[in-house]
């Protein structure tokens, strides 16, 4: 119950445009960088909104850099 209470306090928004991008940009990212549909959607959303991508996943970070998308954290902590 505590988790749901904390979750309800977050400013979570649904992105209505992700579905429209699924068969175009998202699919292309997935194929070009061998990404899961989830990772490709995350990459597409960051690019479309002009926001940095927050991930520690090395493969996803490499794809973001290849597409010119900023990545957080800038340096992976050890």
Protein backbone atom coordinates (compact mmCIF):
# COMPACT_ATOMS: atom_id res chain seq x y z
CA UNK A 1 0.00 0.00 0.00
CA UNK A 2 2.89 2.36 0.76
CA UNK A 3 4.27 1.79 -2.74
CA UNK A 4 0.94 2.72 -4.37
CA UNK A 5 0.68 5.80 -2.18
CA UNK A 6 4.18 6.93 -3.20
CA UNK A 7 3.47 6.12 -6.85
CA UNK A 8 0.30 8.23 -6.82
CA UNK A 9 2.36 11.27 -5.78
CA UNK A 10 4.51 11.13 -8.93
CA UNK A 11 3.67 13.37 -11.87
CA UNK A 12 3.32 10.48 -14.34
CA UNK A 13 1.98 11.32 -17.77
CA UNK A 14 1.03 9.05 -20.65
CA UNK A 15 2.47 9.92 -24.03
CA UNK A 16 -0.27 9.71 -26.64
CA UNK A 17 2.19 10.03 -29.54
CA UNK A 18 4.27 6.92 -28.76
CA UNK A 19 1.66 4.68 -30.35
CA UNK A 20 1.81 6.72 -33.57
CA UNK A 21 5.61 6.35 -33.67
CA UNK A 22 5.63 2.59 -32.98
CA UNK A 23 5.55 1.47 -36.62
CA UNK A 24 7.89 4.16 -37.90
CA UNK A 25 10.68 5.72 -35.85
CA UNK A 26 10.52 3.26 -32.95
CA UNK A 27 10.63 0.24 -35.23
CA UNK A 28 13.51 1.76 -37.20
CA UNK A 29 15.50 2.40 -33.99
CA UNK A 30 14.89 -1.16 -32.86
CA UNK A 31 16.09 -2.63 -36.12
CA UNK A 32 19.03 -0.29 -36.61
CA UNK A 33 20.41 -0.71 -33.09
CA UNK A 34 19.06 -4.22 -32.28
CA UNK A 35 16.97 -2.87 -29.38
CA UNK A 36 13.97 -4.32 -27.61
CA UNK A 37 10.70 -2.55 -28.38
CA UNK A 38 10.79 -1.03 -24.88
CA UNK A 39 14.31 0.38 -25.33
CA UNK A 40 13.52 1.63 -28.84
CA UNK A 41 10.40 3.40 -27.53
CA UNK A 42 12.42 4.99 -24.73
CA UNK A 43 15.01 6.17 -27.26
CA UNK A 44 12.32 7.57 -29.58
CA UNK A 45 10.60 9.43 -26.74
CA UNK A 46 13.83 11.05 -25.56
CA UNK A 47 14.63 12.14 -29.12
CA UNK A 48 11.14 13.48 -29.84
CA UNK A 49 10.95 15.44 -26.58
CA UNK A 50 14.54 16.68 -26.86
CA UNK A 51 15.41 15.22 -23.47
CA UNK A 52 18.46 13.27 -22.34
CA UNK A 53 18.09 9.53 -21.93
CA UNK A 54 18.68 8.23 -18.39
CA UNK A 55 20.10 4.72 -18.49
CA UNK A 56 23.04 2.61 -17.37
CA UNK A 57 22.44 0.06 -20.14
CA UNK A 58 25.57 0.14 -22.31
CA UNK A 59 23.81 -1.00 -25.49
CA UNK A 60 21.07 1.62 -25.14
CA UNK A 61 23.65 4.31 -24.32
CA UNK A 62 25.58 3.42 -27.49
CA UNK A 63 22.39 3.67 -29.58
CA UNK A 64 21.54 7.05 -28.04
CA UNK A 65 25.00 8.42 -28.78
CA UNK A 66 24.73 7.16 -32.37
CA UNK A 67 21.44 9.06 -32.76
CA UNK A 68 22.86 12.23 -31.18
CA UNK A 69 20.77 11.91 -28.01
CA UNK A 70 22.36 13.07 -24.74
CA UNK A 71 22.67 10.38 -22.06
CA UNK A 72 22.52 10.61 -18.25
CA UNK A 73 24.51 9.95 -16.24
CA UNK A 74 27.32 11.32 -18.38
CA UNK A 75 29.71 8.82 -16.79
CA UNK A 76 28.65 5.39 -15.57
CA UNK A 77 29.37 5.06 -11.82
CA UNK A 78 31.60 2.17 -10.73
